[in-house]
Amino acid sequence: MTLEKFPAHLEDKIFEIRYESDDSVSKIISYFPFTDFEKQELVSIINDSGFDKFHSIFTDSVTDEEWTRTKDQIKKKFKDELFDIDKI
């Protein structure tokens, strides 16, 4: 399953999806924790009612409004900090 299979409002919040050798989803990593509704939506899309391997980089909860307002800044900062790790 590729990221393109997810609706834009969820795809935007996903940092990484990890897969098993059989191409089933093993873990979904988001920038901030998903809401219960978003988790239900993702479980429905990947068609695995028992899936519960949701992880997030940050532990703070943010509203959709906060996310929309700050997502570009957050993604850029996170990406820049990851690249700086390689320089150490």
Protein backbone atom coordinates (compact mmCIF):
# COMPACT_ATOMS: atom_id res chain seq x y z
CA MET A 1 0.00 0.00 0.00
CA THR A 2 1.35 3.38 -0.91
CA LEU A 3 0.83 6.74 0.69
CA GLU A 4 -1.19 7.82 -2.33
CA LYS A 5 -3.99 5.48 -1.23
CA PHE A 6 -4.70 7.68 1.78
CA PRO A 7 -6.85 10.82 1.66
CA ALA A 8 -4.84 14.05 1.59
CA HIS A 9 -5.95 15.07 5.10
CA LEU A 10 -4.35 11.88 6.50
CA GLU A 11 -1.44 11.59 4.10
CA ASP A 12 -0.28 15.04 5.16
CA LYS A 13 -0.03 13.95 8.81
CA ILE A 14 1.92 10.75 8.12
CA PHE A 15 5.68 10.85 8.50
CA GLU A 16 6.37 7.22 7.58
CA ILE A 17 4.65 3.90 6.93
CA ARG A 18 6.56 0.70 7.61
CA TYR A 19 5.69 -2.58 5.95
CA GLU A 20 6.08 -6.29 6.64
CA SER A 21 7.65 -8.56 4.03
CA ASP A 22 4.15 -9.40 2.73
CA ASP A 23 3.52 -5.66 2.11
CA SER A 24 1.06 -5.37 4.98
CA VAL A 25 1.38 -2.25 7.10
CA SER A 26 3.39 -2.88 10.28
CA LYS A 27 3.53 0.67 11.67
CA ILE A 28 2.21 4.13 10.87
CA ILE A 29 4.25 7.03 12.23
CA SER A 30 2.65 10.45 12.30
CA TYR A 31 3.98 13.83 13.33
CA PHE A 32 1.37 14.17 16.09
CA PRO A 33 -1.00 11.54 17.53
CA PHE A 34 -4.01 10.74 15.38
CA THR A 35 -7.48 11.21 16.76
CA ASP A 36 -9.57 8.10 17.36
CA PHE A 37 -11.62 8.95 14.28
CA GLU A 38 -8.47 9.25 12.14
CA LYS A 39 -7.22 5.91 13.45
CA GLN A 40 -10.55 4.29 12.56
CA GLU A 41 -10.34 5.79 9.09
CA LEU A 42 -6.79 4.46 8.59
CA VAL A 43 -7.73 0.99 9.88
CA SER A 44 -10.59 0.95 7.40
CA ILE A 45 -8.33 1.99 4.51
CA ILE A 46 -5.68 -0.64 5.25
CA ASN A 47 -8.46 -3.17 5.81
CA ASP A 48 -7.05 -4.60 9.06
CA SER A 49 -9.52 -4.30 11.92
CA GLY A 50 -6.88 -5.41 14.45
CA PHE A 51 -4.25 -2.86 13.43
CA ASP A 52 -3.07 -0.74 16.36
CA LYS A 53 0.54 0.15 15.59
CA PHE A 54 0.18 3.92 15.57
CA HIS A 55 3.17 5.94 16.72
CA SER A 56 3.93 9.64 16.63
CA ILE A 57 7.09 11.71 16.69
CA PHE A 58 5.63 14.32 19.03
CA THR A 59 3.34 13.59 21.96
CA ASP A 60 1.43 16.88 21.99
CA SER A 61 -2.04 16.85 20.54
CA VAL A 62 -2.86 19.54 18.01
CA THR A 63 -6.11 20.58 16.44
CA ASP A 64 -6.59 20.43 12.69
CA GLU A 65 -6.49 24.22 12.67
CA GLU A 66 -3.12 24.28 14.49
CA TRP A 67 -1.77 21.58 12.18
CA THR A 68 -2.85 23.43 9.05
CA ARG A 69 -1.33 26.66 10.30
CA THR A 70 2.04 25.19 11.36
CA LYS A 71 2.59 21.99 9.35
CA ASP A 72 5.01 23.44 6.79
CA GLN A 73 7.12 24.98 9.52
CA ILE A 74 7.10 21.76 11.58
CA LYS A 75 7.98 19.54 8.61
CA LYS A 76 10.81 21.86 7.53
CA LYS A 77 12.27 22.07 11.02
CA PHE A 78 12.09 18.32 11.49
CA LYS A 79 13.63 17.62 8.08
CA ASP A 80 16.42 20.16 8.66
CA GLU A 81 17.24 18.65 12.06
CA LEU A 82 17.39 15.16 10.58
CA PHE A 83 19.84 16.28 7.90
CA ASP A 84 21.97 18.01 10.54
CA ILE A 85 22.37 14.66 12.29
CA ASP A 86 24.32 13.39 9.28
CA LYS A 87 26.82 16.24 9.66
CA ILE A 88 27.80 15.25 13.21
